[in-house]
Amino acid sequence: MKVAMPKTWVIVADASRARFFDFKGHVSGLQEIHDMANPEGRLKNQDLVTDKHGTTHDRKGVGTPQMGDNAEAAHQVERAFAIEVVRSLETMIRESGVQAIILAAPPRFLGELRRRLDKATTAMVKQEINKDISTLTPEEIKAHLDRAA
């Protein structure tokens, strides 16, 4: 007797790209169904802030660069993309009948995704891979799923 596997999607993402796959099982593999790009996610911190901070002078009169909002700008770009990814995911789930989700993302971005998922979608997450595998081929991604299973 063959047990039907729930319809499962695999989402692999980082701050610059998110790919959605229909998981056909460990034998059949993955079929990419959606791809999202965030070009700003590839920019370096200093490229995200256009207003350059000057220098300050310490008691010795030595000029030192001010710490700017570079890191915060990069984090804002990351958060905005996580929100966009989650909105797309939740919309697509409503239209598709997906029953299970596997998320793979680097630690900080995975945390951003988790914080933005609604309760129903969170309940569908059956596995998480705390690693950036977003640039890998479907076969390489499937190998990570096989190792994590």
Protein backbone atom coordinates (compact mmCIF):
# COMPACT_ATOMS: atom_id res chain seq x y z
CA MET A 1 0.00 0.00 0.00
CA LYS A 2 1.43 3.35 -1.07
CA VAL A 3 0.96 6.30 1.27
CA ALA A 4 0.39 9.62 -0.45
CA MET A 5 2.97 12.24 0.42
CA PRO A 6 1.56 15.66 1.30
CA LYS A 7 2.09 18.34 -1.32
CA THR A 8 5.36 19.92 -0.23
CA TRP A 9 7.22 23.03 -1.29
CA VAL A 10 10.84 23.84 -0.65
CA ILE A 11 11.76 27.50 -0.32
CA VAL A 12 15.46 28.36 -0.52
CA ALA A 13 16.33 31.99 0.04
CA ASP A 14 18.84 34.58 1.05
CA ALA A 15 18.71 38.39 1.14
CA SER A 16 19.00 38.63 -2.65
CA ARG A 17 16.99 35.70 -4.03
CA ALA A 18 14.18 33.32 -3.15
CA ARG A 19 13.35 30.18 -5.10
CA PHE A 20 10.23 28.07 -4.64
CA PHE A 21 10.26 24.41 -5.59
CA ASP A 22 7.58 21.75 -5.76
CA PHE A 23 9.10 18.76 -3.97
CA LYS A 24 8.15 15.61 -5.84
CA GLY A 25 9.84 13.29 -3.34
CA HIS A 26 13.32 12.00 -2.72
CA VAL A 27 13.29 10.01 -5.95
CA SER A 28 11.70 12.51 -8.36
CA GLY A 29 13.31 15.63 -6.94
CA LEU A 30 12.46 19.30 -7.26
CA GLN A 31 10.69 21.39 -9.86
CA GLU A 32 11.25 25.17 -9.64
CA ILE A 33 7.92 26.99 -9.71
CA HIS A 34 8.76 30.56 -8.67
CA ASP A 35 11.82 32.79 -8.43
CA MET A 36 12.11 36.18 -6.73
CA ALA A 37 15.08 38.52 -6.99
CA ASN A 38 16.17 41.33 -4.70
CA PRO A 39 19.13 43.07 -6.38
CA GLU A 40 19.57 45.40 -3.39
CA GLY A 41 20.29 42.33 -1.28
CA ARG A 42 23.59 41.92 -3.15
CA LEU A 43 24.81 45.45 -2.41
CA LYS A 44 27.43 46.09 0.19
CA ASN A 45 26.37 47.96 3.31
CA GLN A 46 28.11 51.19 2.31
CA ASP A 47 26.39 51.16 -1.10
CA LEU A 48 22.94 51.21 0.52
CA VAL A 49 23.50 54.50 2.33
CA THR A 50 23.90 57.48 0.02
CA ASP A 51 24.61 60.17 2.62
CA LYS A 52 28.19 59.79 3.72
CA HIS A 53 29.00 60.61 7.29
CA GLY A 54 31.96 62.87 7.89
CA THR A 55 34.69 62.44 10.39
CA THR A 56 34.75 63.32 14.03
CA HIS A 57 37.68 64.51 16.05
CA ASP A 58 38.57 62.84 19.28
CA ARG A 59 40.33 64.57 22.15
CA LYS A 60 43.64 64.15 20.41
CA GLY A 61 42.36 65.91 17.29
CA VAL A 62 42.62 62.81 15.12
CA GLY A 63 39.90 62.44 12.48
CA THR A 64 38.01 59.15 12.69
CA PRO A 65 35.20 58.03 10.46
CA GLN A 66 31.77 58.06 12.04
CA MET A 67 29.87 54.84 12.30
CA GLY A 68 26.92 55.22 9.96
CA ASP A 69 23.70 53.40 9.48
CA ASN A 70 25.24 51.03 6.92
CA ALA A 71 24.48 47.84 8.82
CA GLU A 72 20.95 49.00 9.61
CA ALA A 73 20.33 49.82 5.93
CA ALA A 74 21.36 46.31 4.91
CA HIS A 75 19.15 44.81 7.60
CA GLN A 76 16.19 46.92 6.42
CA VAL A 77 16.68 45.66 2.86
CA GLU A 78 16.80 42.10 4.20
CA ARG A 79 13.64 42.57 6.30
CA ALA A 80 11.74 44.11 3.39
CA PHE A 81 12.65 41.18 1.14
CA ALA A 82 11.67 38.66 3.83
CA ILE A 83 8.25 40.33 4.04
CA GLU A 84 7.90 40.16 0.25
CA VAL A 85 8.90 36.47 0.18
CA VAL A 86 6.43 35.57 2.95
CA ARG A 87 3.58 37.48 1.28
CA SER A 88 4.21 35.64 -2.00
CA LEU A 89 4.45 32.32 -0.19
CA GLU A 90 1.21 32.82 1.73
CA THR A 91 -0.65 33.92 -1.43
CA MET A 92 0.66 30.96 -3.40
CA ILE A 93 -0.25 28.55 -0.59
CA ARG A 94 -3.86 29.72 -0.62
CA GLU A 95 -4.03 29.05 -4.36
CA SER A 96 -2.20 25.71 -4.45
CA GLY A 97 -3.21 23.39 -1.64
CA VAL A 98 0.32 22.98 -0.30
CA GLN A 99 0.37 21.05 2.97
CA ALA A 100 4.04 21.12 3.98
CA ILE A 101 6.97 23.50 3.63
CA ILE A 102 10.71 23.10 3.93
CA LEU A 103 12.63 26.35 4.47
CA ALA A 104 16.34 26.77 3.74
CA ALA A 105 18.12 30.06 4.37
CA PRO A 106 21.16 31.47 6.12
CA PRO A 107 20.59 31.92 9.87
CA ARG A 108 19.68 35.62 9.97
CA PHE A 109 17.40 35.48 6.92
CA LEU A 110 15.74 32.30 8.18
CA GLY A 111 14.95 34.19 11.40
CA GLU A 112 13.45 37.06 9.38
CA LEU A 113 11.24 34.61 7.49
CA ARG A 114 10.10 32.85 10.68
CA ARG A 115 9.12 36.13 12.34
CA ARG A 116 6.87 37.06 9.42
CA LEU A 117 5.04 33.78 8.79
CA ASP A 118 1.44 33.65 9.95
CA LYS A 119 0.37 30.85 12.31
CA ALA A 120 -1.13 28.66 9.60
CA THR A 121 2.00 28.83 7.45
CA THR A 122 4.27 28.29 10.45
CA ALA A 123 2.36 25.09 11.21
CA MET A 124 3.16 23.86 7.67
CA VAL A 125 6.93 24.18 8.15
CA LYS A 126 8.11 20.59 8.55
CA GLN A 127 11.84 21.13 8.18
CA GLU A 128 14.36 23.96 8.26
CA ILE A 129 17.87 24.02 6.84
CA ASN A 130 19.91 26.75 8.50
CA LYS A 131 22.25 27.25 5.55
CA ASP A 132 22.44 29.31 2.36
CA ILE A 133 21.80 26.89 -0.50
CA SER A 134 19.93 29.38 -2.70
CA THR A 135 22.51 29.38 -5.49
CA LEU A 136 22.71 25.60 -5.81
CA THR A 137 21.18 23.52 -8.59
CA PRO A 138 17.94 21.64 -7.85
CA GLU A 139 19.93 18.40 -7.65
CA GLU A 140 22.34 19.89 -5.09
CA ILE A 141 19.43 21.30 -3.06
CA LYS A 142 17.77 17.88 -3.10
CA ALA A 143 21.00 16.34 -1.78
CA HIS A 144 20.82 18.73 1.19
CA LEU A 145 17.21 17.66 1.78
CA ASP A 146 18.23 14.01 1.66
CA ARG A 147 21.01 14.60 4.22
CA ALA A 148 18.69 16.56 6.52
CA ALA A 149 15.89 13.98 6.36
